[in-house]
C-alpha atoms as a PDB file:
ATOM      1  CA  MET A   1       4.232 -29.912  20.342  1.00  0.00           C
ATOM      2  CA  TYR A   2       3.765 -32.564  17.555  1.00  0.00           C
ATOM      3  CA  ASN A   3       6.246 -31.758  14.603  1.00  0.00           C
ATOM      4  CA  ILE A   4       5.577 -33.211  11.059  1.00  0.00           C
ATOM      5  CA  ASP A   5       8.343 -34.923   9.910  1.00  0.00           C
ATOM      6  CA  LYS A   6       8.756 -34.013   6.142  1.00  0.00           C
ATOM      7  CA  GLN A   7      10.253 -37.044   4.932  1.00  0.00           C
ATOM      8  CA  LYS A   8       7.579 -39.099   6.415  1.00  0.00           C
ATOM      9  CA  PHE A   9       4.935 -36.610   5.174  1.00  0.00           C
ATOM     10  CA  GLY A  10       6.401 -36.857   1.640  1.00  0.00           C
ATOM     11  CA  ALA A  11       6.455 -40.626   1.654  1.00  0.00           C
ATOM     12  CA  PHE A  12       3.085 -40.699   2.797  1.00  0.00           C
ATOM     13  CA  ILE A  13       1.609 -38.536   0.048  1.00  0.00           C
ATOM     14  CA  ALA A  14       3.686 -40.493  -2.676  1.00  0.00           C
ATOM     15  CA  MET A  15       2.221 -43.751  -1.409  1.00  0.00           C
ATOM     16  CA  LEU A  16      -1.508 -42.380  -1.130  1.00  0.00           C
ATOM     17  CA  ARG A  17      -1.076 -40.932  -4.781  1.00  0.00           C
ATOM     18  CA  LYS A  18       0.221 -44.248  -6.196  1.00  0.00           C
ATOM     19  CA  GLU A  19      -2.367 -46.091  -4.420  1.00  0.00           C
ATOM     20  CA  LYS A  20      -5.131 -43.954  -6.172  1.00  0.00           C
ATOM     21  CA  GLY A  21      -3.256 -44.447  -9.509  1.00  0.00           C
ATOM     22  CA  ILE A  22      -2.497 -40.932 -10.306  1.00  0.00           C
ATOM     23  CA  THR A  23       0.632 -39.015 -11.389  1.00  0.00           C
ATOM     24  CA  GLN A  24       2.017 -35.994  -9.766  1.00  0.00           C
ATOM     25  CA  LYS A  25       0.963 -34.041 -12.773  1.00  0.00           C
ATOM     26  CA  GLU A  26      -2.595 -35.127 -12.410  1.00  0.00           C
ATOM     27  CA  LEU A  27      -2.680 -34.689  -8.754  1.00  0.00           C
ATOM     28  CA  ALA A  28      -1.239 -31.087  -9.235  1.00  0.00           C
ATOM     29  CA  GLU A  29      -3.853 -30.199 -12.018  1.00  0.00           C
ATOM     30  CA  GLN A  30      -6.759 -31.322  -9.541  1.00  0.00           C
ATOM     31  CA  LEU A  31      -5.136 -28.895  -6.875  1.00  0.00           C
ATOM     32  CA  PHE A  32      -4.467 -26.071  -9.559  1.00  0.00           C
ATOM     33  CA  ILE A  33      -0.743 -26.053  -8.569  1.00  0.00           C
ATOM     34  CA  SER A  34       2.473 -27.148 -10.536  1.00  0.00           C
ATOM     35  CA  ASP A  35       3.676 -30.618 -10.489  1.00  0.00           C
ATOM     36  CA  LYS A  36       6.965 -29.388  -9.330  1.00  0.00           C
ATOM     37  CA  ALA A  37       5.028 -28.686  -6.058  1.00  0.00           C
ATOM     38  CA  VAL A  38       3.986 -31.990  -5.738  1.00  0.00           C
ATOM     39  CA  SER A  39       7.411 -33.373  -6.295  1.00  0.00           C
ATOM     40  CA  LYS A  40       8.781 -30.995  -3.765  1.00  0.00           C
ATOM     41  CA  TRP A  41       6.482 -32.339  -1.165  1.00  0.00           C
ATOM     42  CA  GLU A  42       7.424 -35.950  -1.806  1.00  0.00           C
ATOM     43  CA  THR A  43      11.160 -35.276  -1.900  1.00  0.00           C
ATOM     44  CA  ALA A  44      10.704 -33.484   1.497  1.00  0.00           C
ATOM     45  CA  ALA A  45      11.931 -30.215  -0.106  1.00  0.00           C
ATOM     46  CA  SER A  46       8.813 -28.293   1.218  1.00  0.00           C
ATOM     47  CA  VAL A  47       5.229 -28.949   2.539  1.00  0.00           C
ATOM     48  CA  PRO A  48       1.933 -27.847   0.877  1.00  0.00           C
ATOM     49  CA  ASN A  49       0.554 -24.484   2.181  1.00  0.00           C
ATOM     50  CA  ILE A  50      -2.188 -24.758   4.718  1.00  0.00           C
ATOM     51  CA  ASP A  51      -4.881 -23.867   2.312  1.00  0.00           C
ATOM     52  CA  LEU A  52      -4.084 -26.983   0.464  1.00  0.00           C
ATOM     53  CA  LEU A  53      -4.530 -29.739   3.456  1.00  0.00           C
ATOM     54  CA  ILE A  54      -8.289 -30.268   2.942  1.00  0.00           C
ATOM     55  CA  PRO A  55      -8.501 -30.561  -0.799  1.00  0.00           C
ATOM     56  CA  LEU A  56      -5.232 -32.694  -0.740  1.00  0.00           C
ATOM     57  CA  ALA A  57      -6.810 -34.941   1.817  1.00  0.00           C
ATOM     58  CA  ASN A  58      -9.937 -35.216   0.086  1.00  0.00           C
ATOM     59  CA  LEU A  59      -8.182 -36.234  -3.233  1.00  0.00           C
ATOM     60  CA  LEU A  60      -6.149 -38.749  -1.307  1.00  0.00           C
ATOM     61  CA  GLY A  61      -8.922 -40.405   0.406  1.00  0.00           C
ATOM     62  CA  VAL A  62      -7.847 -39.751   3.885  1.00  0.00           C
ATOM     63  CA  THR A  63      -8.722 -37.311   6.624  1.00  0.00           C
ATOM     64  CA  VAL A  64      -6.510 -34.112   7.379  1.00  0.00           C
ATOM     65  CA  THR A  65      -5.625 -35.818  10.784  1.00  0.00           C
ATOM     66  CA  GLU A  66      -4.386 -38.754   8.810  1.00  0.00           C
ATOM     67  CA  LEU A  67      -2.286 -36.531   6.553  1.00  0.00           C
ATOM     68  CA  LEU A  68      -0.666 -34.546   9.080  1.00  0.00           C
ATOM     69  CA  MET A  69       0.129 -37.578  11.281  1.00  0.00           C
ATOM     70  CA  CYS A  70       1.364 -39.471   8.064  1.00  0.00           C
ATOM     71  CA  GLN A  71      -0.520 -42.726   8.802  1.00  0.00           C
ATOM     72  CA  ARG A  72      -3.953 -44.145   8.189  1.00  0.00           C
ATOM     73  CA  MET A  73      -6.088 -44.333  11.522  1.00  0.00           C
ATOM     74  CA  GLU A  74      -8.552 -47.107  12.443  1.00  0.00           C
ATOM     75  CA  GLN A  75     -11.967 -45.759  12.838  1.00  0.00           C
ATOM     76  CA  ASP A  76     -12.241 -47.177  16.372  1.00  0.00           C
ATOM     77  CA  ASN A  77      -8.814 -45.525  17.342  1.00  0.00           C
ATOM     78  CA  ALA A  78      -9.978 -42.152  18.789  1.00  0.00           C
ATOM     79  CA  LEU A  79      -7.200 -39.507  19.432  1.00  0.00           C
ATOM     80  CA  SER A  80      -7.020 -38.009  22.824  1.00  0.00           C
ATOM     81  CA  THR A  81      -7.644 -34.281  23.392  1.00  0.00           C
ATOM     82  CA  THR A  82      -3.924 -33.688  23.860  1.00  0.00           C
ATOM     83  CA  GLN A  83      -3.226 -35.618  20.443  1.00  0.00           C
ATOM     84  CA  VAL A  84      -5.859 -33.477  18.669  1.00  0.00           C
ATOM     85  CA  GLU A  85      -4.546 -30.085  20.111  1.00  0.00           C
ATOM     86  CA  GLN A  86      -0.938 -31.235  18.898  1.00  0.00           C
ATOM     87  CA  VAL A  87      -2.125 -31.836  15.455  1.00  0.00           C
ATOM     88  CA  VAL A  88      -4.308 -28.755  15.296  1.00  0.00           C
ATOM     89  CA  GLN A  89      -1.241 -26.464  16.570  1.00  0.00           C
ATOM     90  CA  ALA A  90       1.032 -28.448  13.880  1.00  0.00           C
ATOM     91  CA  ALA A  91      -1.445 -27.580  11.064  1.00  0.00           C
ATOM     92  CA  ILE A  92      -1.727 -24.047  11.936  1.00  0.00           C
ATOM     93  CA  SER A  93       2.154 -23.659  12.285  1.00  0.00           C
ATOM     94  CA  TYR A  94       3.850 -26.096   9.966  1.00  0.00           C
ATOM     95  CA  SER A  95       3.682 -24.129   6.814  1.00  0.00           C
ATOM     96  CA  GLU A  96       3.545 -20.579   8.120  1.00  0.00           C
ATOM     97  CA  GLU A  97       6.865 -19.154   8.915  1.00  0.00           C
ATOM     98  CA  GLU A  98       6.879 -16.048  11.113  1.00  0.00           C
ATOM     99  CA  GLN A  99       6.826 -13.065   8.707  1.00  0.00           C
ATOM    100  CA  THR A 100       9.088 -10.391   9.609  1.00  0.00           C
ATOM    101  CA  ARG A 101       8.495  -6.741   8.533  1.00  0.00           C
ATOM    102  CA  ALA A 102      11.064  -4.542   6.991  1.00  0.00           C
ATOM    103  CA  TYR A 103      11.374  -2.067   9.746  1.00  0.00           C
ATOM    104  CA  HIS A 104      12.477  -4.994  12.090  1.00  0.00           C
ATOM    105  CA  SER A 105      15.944  -5.538   9.982  1.00  0.00           C
ATOM    106  CA  LYS A 106      16.347  -2.487   7.804  1.00  0.00           C
ATOM    107  CA  GLY A 107      16.710   0.527   9.905  1.00  0.00           C
ATOM    108  CA  LYS A 108      18.403   2.610   7.325  1.00  0.00           C
ATOM    109  CA  TRP A 109      15.306   2.684   4.938  1.00  0.00           C
ATOM    110  CA  GLY A 110      13.447   4.813   7.523  1.00  0.00           C
ATOM    111  CA  LEU A 111      15.838   7.469   7.380  1.00  0.00           C
ATOM    112  CA  ILE A 112      16.020   7.190   3.426  1.00  0.00           C
ATOM    113  CA  TYR A 113      12.269   7.632   3.435  1.00  0.00           C
ATOM    114  CA  ILE A 114      12.174  10.624   5.941  1.00  0.00           C
ATOM    115  CA  PHE A 115      14.912  12.293   3.812  1.00  0.00           C
ATOM    116  CA  SER A 116      12.829  11.488   0.540  1.00  0.00           C
ATOM    117  CA  PHE A 117       9.513  12.867   2.164  1.00  0.00           C
ATOM    118  CA  VAL A 118      11.192  16.042   3.312  1.00  0.00           C
ATOM    119  CA  MET A 119      12.594  16.743  -0.375  1.00  0.00           C
ATOM    120  CA  ALA A 120       9.148  16.065  -1.714  1.00  0.00           C
ATOM    121  CA  CYS A 121       7.543  18.574   0.847  1.00  0.00           C
ATOM    122  CA  LEU A 122      10.232  20.924  -0.201  1.00  0.00           C
ATOM    123  CA  GLU A 123       9.415  20.456  -4.006  1.00  0.00           C
ATOM    124  CA  ILE A 124       5.705  21.108  -3.186  1.00  0.00           C
ATOM    125  CA  LEU A 125       6.533  24.168  -1.416  1.00  0.00           C
ATOM    126  CA  PHE A 126       8.902  25.555  -4.064  1.00  0.00           C
ATOM    127  CA  SER A 127       6.236  24.768  -6.828  1.00  0.00           C
ATOM    128  CA  TYR A 128       3.623  26.452  -4.597  1.00  0.00           C
ATOM    129  CA  MET A 129       5.641  29.408  -4.165  1.00  0.00           C
ATOM    130  CA  SER A 130       6.311  29.852  -7.598  1.00  0.00           C
ATOM    131  CA  GLY A 131       2.945  29.353  -8.829  1.00  0.00           C
ATOM    132  CA  SER A 132       3.680  26.176 -10.834  1.00  0.00           C
ATOM    133  CA  ILE A 133       1.831  23.512  -8.427  1.00  0.00           C
ATOM    134  CA  THR A 134      -0.513  21.192 -10.032  1.00  0.00           C
ATOM    135  CA  THR A 135      -2.914  18.670  -8.809  1.00  0.00           C
ATOM    136  CA  GLY A 136      -0.844  15.918 -10.596  1.00  0.00           C
ATOM    137  CA  LEU A 137       2.120  16.716  -8.462  1.00  0.00           C
ATOM    138  CA  ILE A 138       0.285  16.622  -5.299  1.00  0.00           C
ATOM    139  CA  VAL A 139      -1.375  13.281  -6.078  1.00  0.00           C
ATOM    140  CA  SER A 140       1.837  11.683  -7.254  1.00  0.00           C
ATOM    141  CA  MET A 141       3.752  13.009  -4.424  1.00  0.00           C
ATOM    142  CA  GLY A 142       0.923  11.985  -1.992  1.00  0.00           C
ATOM    143  CA  LEU A 143       0.956   8.302  -3.510  1.00  0.00           C
ATOM    144  CA  GLY A 144       4.535   8.142  -3.307  1.00  0.00           C
ATOM    145  CA  ALA A 145       4.436   9.011   0.312  1.00  0.00           C
ATOM    146  CA  VAL A 146       1.703   6.395   1.105  1.00  0.00           C
ATOM    147  CA  PHE A 147       3.573   3.591  -1.056  1.00  0.00           C
ATOM    148  CA  GLY A 148       7.004   4.570   0.542  1.00  0.00           C
ATOM    149  CA  VAL A 149       5.615   4.246   4.110  1.00  0.00           C
ATOM    150  CA  TYR A 150       4.405   0.838   3.132  1.00  0.00           C
ATOM    151  CA  PHE A 151       7.503  -0.449   1.465  1.00  0.00           C
ATOM    152  CA  CYS A 152      10.127   0.979   3.880  1.00  0.00           C
ATOM    153  CA  PHE A 153       8.266   0.007   6.939  1.00  0.00           C
ATOM    154  CA  PHE A 154       5.588  -2.732   6.750  1.00  0.00           C
ATOM    155  CA  VAL A 155       6.189  -4.844   3.892  1.00  0.00           C
ATOM    156  CA  LYS A 156       7.108  -8.358   4.536  1.00  0.00           C
ATOM    157  CA  GLU A 157      10.715  -9.434   4.253  1.00  0.00           C
ATOM    158  CA  LYS A 158       9.788 -12.856   2.696  1.00  0.00           C
ATOM    159  CA  LEU A 159       6.670 -14.094   0.982  1.00  0.00           C
ATOM    160  CA  PRO A 160       4.629 -17.134   1.918  1.00  0.00           C
ATOM    161  CA  ALA A 161       6.056 -20.538   0.440  1.00  0.00           C
ATOM    162  CA  CYS A 162       3.066 -21.027  -1.850  1.00  0.00           C
ATOM    163  CA  TYR A 163       4.759 -18.037  -3.834  1.00  0.00           C
ATOM    164  CA  ASP A 164       7.703 -20.231  -4.627  1.00  0.00           C
ATOM    165  CA  GLU A 165       5.636 -23.389  -5.464  1.00  0.00           C
ATOM    166  CA  ASN A 166       3.112 -21.644  -7.775  1.00  0.00           C
ATOM    167  CA  ARG A 167       3.109 -19.032 -10.410  1.00  0.00           C
ATOM    168  CA  ILE A 168       1.269 -16.150  -8.565  1.00  0.00           C
ATOM    169  CA  SER A 169       1.335 -12.587  -9.843  1.00  0.00           C
ATOM    170  CA  VAL A 170      -0.955 -10.968  -7.295  1.00  0.00           C
ATOM    171  CA  TYR A 171       0.418 -10.179  -3.856  1.00  0.00           C
ATOM    172  CA  THR A 172      -2.190  -9.021  -0.996  1.00  0.00           C
ATOM    173  CA  ASP A 173      -1.503  -7.960   2.592  1.00  0.00           C
ATOM    174  CA  GLY A 174      -3.980  -6.423   4.504  1.00  0.00           C
ATOM    175  CA  LEU A 175      -5.622  -3.596   2.478  1.00  0.00           C
ATOM    176  CA  PHE A 176      -2.649  -3.508  -0.108  1.00  0.00           C
ATOM    177  CA  GLU A 177      -3.083  -5.479  -3.124  1.00  0.00           C
ATOM    178  CA  MET A 178      -0.637  -5.513  -6.122  1.00  0.00           C
ATOM    179  CA  SER A 179      -1.366  -7.020  -9.334  1.00  0.00           C
ATOM    180  CA  LEU A 180       1.518  -7.984 -11.914  1.00  0.00           C
ATOM    181  CA  PRO A 181       0.211  -9.648 -14.853  1.00  0.00           C
ATOM    182  CA  GLY A 182       2.842 -11.610 -16.640  1.00  0.00           C
ATOM    183  CA  LEU A 183       5.016 -11.646 -13.833  1.00  0.00           C
ATOM    184  CA  SER A 184       5.359 -14.358 -11.000  1.00  0.00           C
ATOM    185  CA  LEU A 185       6.446 -13.442  -7.376  1.00  0.00           C
ATOM    186  CA  ASN A 186       8.859 -15.492  -5.491  1.00  0.00           C
ATOM    187  CA  ASN A 187      11.566 -15.375  -2.778  1.00  0.00           C
ATOM    188  CA  ARG A 188      14.192 -16.354  -5.125  1.00  0.00           C
ATOM    189  CA  GLU A 189      14.490 -12.779  -6.401  1.00  0.00           C
ATOM    190  CA  LEU A 190      14.236 -11.006  -3.377  1.00  0.00           C
END
């Protein structure tokens, strides 16, 4: 499989950016990211998220294939089917690390959740028996149970790389979406 050389990739981006006569900050503004992210690409500390490949290639005046191969290609130089397949595989896999779910490595959380769930059910039962059960109690316990299942079993252990490169305050995973205005999510605080 074709692997992207981060050093070569960063040098290629820097060269193209300088040819266009734009600064890291100007490129970052056009991509709606921080200039630190562009700096990280150029110093081989990271690579851009797959979502940014097309806009980045367009801004730098190259094709996505040229960007991924870290070289300009002549118009007459057609790639073989194998080379195209390798570049496509690299594009799909280079910025996405395999995401593991919490239950893969944190077995104790399952036991803690089950214990907490049993305690919540006992609280609801005792409230019902004493005649002091309220709709608010049932709703809050139900929501706690649903979010508890998600956070103890299904939450990803690591956020995608774009969260470290940009100030993002919304997390989405399937049907679950969490918005935290004023806060930015990243892997440094996990």
